[in-house]
Amino acid sequence: FNSILQMDALFGHVTVGLVIHAPLACVLVRLDWYLLWELNPTLYEFQGMALG
């Protein structure tokens, strides 16, 4: 029973961690892309060609 409780606590902790970190990761990724586009226009042009 104790091990089940520990697993449940661990699972809950991981779930909460993911819920908190997922939006944060999305924001950081978007910020990275924004900075890349701002600092490197050629990359933007390259992506435009790649996307068609």
C-alpha atoms as a PDB file:
ATOM      1  CA  PHE A   1       0.000   0.000   0.000  1.00  0.00           C
ATOM      2  CA  ASN A   2       2.824   2.349   0.883  1.00  0.00           C
ATOM      3  CA  SER A   3       4.530   1.835  -2.475  1.00  0.00           C
ATOM      4  CA  ILE A   4       1.238   2.553  -4.272  1.00  0.00           C
ATOM      5  CA  LEU A   5       0.929   5.769  -2.293  1.00  0.00           C
ATOM      6  CA  GLN A   6       4.487   6.761  -3.217  1.00  0.00           C
ATOM      7  CA  MET A   7       3.834   6.017  -6.881  1.00  0.00           C
ATOM      8  CA  ASP A   8       0.660   8.098  -6.748  1.00  0.00           C
ATOM      9  CA  ALA A   9       2.524  10.993  -5.146  1.00  0.00           C
ATOM     10  CA  LEU A  10       5.288  10.741  -7.741  1.00  0.00           C
ATOM     11  CA  PHE A  11       2.775  10.610 -10.594  1.00  0.00           C
ATOM     12  CA  GLY A  12       0.942  13.635  -9.192  1.00  0.00           C
ATOM     13  CA  HIS A  13       4.196  15.537  -8.831  1.00  0.00           C
ATOM     14  CA  VAL A  14       5.223  14.744 -12.412  1.00  0.00           C
ATOM     15  CA  THR A  15       1.782  15.720 -13.731  1.00  0.00           C
ATOM     16  CA  VAL A  16       1.841  19.040 -11.883  1.00  0.00           C
ATOM     17  CA  GLY A  17       5.396  19.627 -13.111  1.00  0.00           C
ATOM     18  CA  LEU A  18       4.367  18.997 -16.715  1.00  0.00           C
ATOM     19  CA  VAL A  19       1.299  21.221 -16.424  1.00  0.00           C
ATOM     20  CA  ILE A  20       3.452  24.042 -15.067  1.00  0.00           C
ATOM     21  CA  HIS A  21       6.367  23.563 -17.458  1.00  0.00           C
ATOM     22  CA  ALA A  22       4.496  22.917 -20.715  1.00  0.00           C
ATOM     23  CA  PRO A  23       3.209  26.515 -21.155  1.00  0.00           C
ATOM     24  CA  LEU A  24       6.561  27.845 -19.971  1.00  0.00           C
ATOM     25  CA  ALA A  25       8.365  25.721 -22.567  1.00  0.00           C
ATOM     26  CA  CYS A  26       5.962  26.934 -25.277  1.00  0.00           C
ATOM     27  CA  VAL A  27       6.629  30.555 -24.351  1.00  0.00           C
ATOM     28  CA  LEU A  28      10.390  29.998 -24.342  1.00  0.00           C
ATOM     29  CA  VAL A  29      10.293  28.255 -27.725  1.00  0.00           C
ATOM     30  CA  ARG A  30       8.210  31.045 -29.228  1.00  0.00           C
ATOM     31  CA  LEU A  31      10.540  33.640 -27.744  1.00  0.00           C
ATOM     32  CA  ASP A  32      13.520  31.783 -29.216  1.00  0.00           C
ATOM     33  CA  TRP A  33      11.908  31.701 -32.654  1.00  0.00           C
ATOM     34  CA  TYR A  34      10.965  35.378 -32.400  1.00  0.00           C
ATOM     35  CA  LEU A  35      14.519  36.325 -31.468  1.00  0.00           C
ATOM     36  CA  LEU A  36      15.926  34.164 -34.264  1.00  0.00           C
ATOM     37  CA  TRP A  37      13.636  35.826 -36.793  1.00  0.00           C
ATOM     38  CA  GLU A  38      14.447  39.301 -35.484  1.00  0.00           C
ATOM     39  CA  LEU A  39      18.195  38.715 -35.455  1.00  0.00           C
ATOM     40  CA  ASN A  40      18.445  36.603 -38.594  1.00  0.00           C
ATOM     41  CA  PRO A  41      16.153  37.652 -41.480  1.00  0.00           C
ATOM     42  CA  THR A  42      17.802  35.120 -43.812  1.00  0.00           C
ATOM     43  CA  LEU A  43      16.461  32.319 -41.635  1.00  0.00           C
ATOM     44  CA  TYR A  44      12.965  33.739 -42.055  1.00  0.00           C
ATOM     45  CA  GLU A  45      13.408  33.849 -45.833  1.00  0.00           C
ATOM     46  CA  PHE A  46      14.738  30.297 -45.814  1.00  0.00           C
ATOM     47  CA  GLN A  47      11.726  29.078 -43.847  1.00  0.00           C
ATOM     48  CA  GLY A  48       9.449  30.935 -46.253  1.00  0.00           C
ATOM     49  CA  MET A  49      11.027  29.034 -49.151  1.00  0.00           C
ATOM     50  CA  ALA A  50      10.847  25.760 -47.231  1.00  0.00           C
ATOM     51  CA  LEU A  51       7.155  26.271 -46.481  1.00  0.00           C
ATOM     52  CA  GLY A  52       6.486  27.000 -50.131  1.00  0.00           C
END
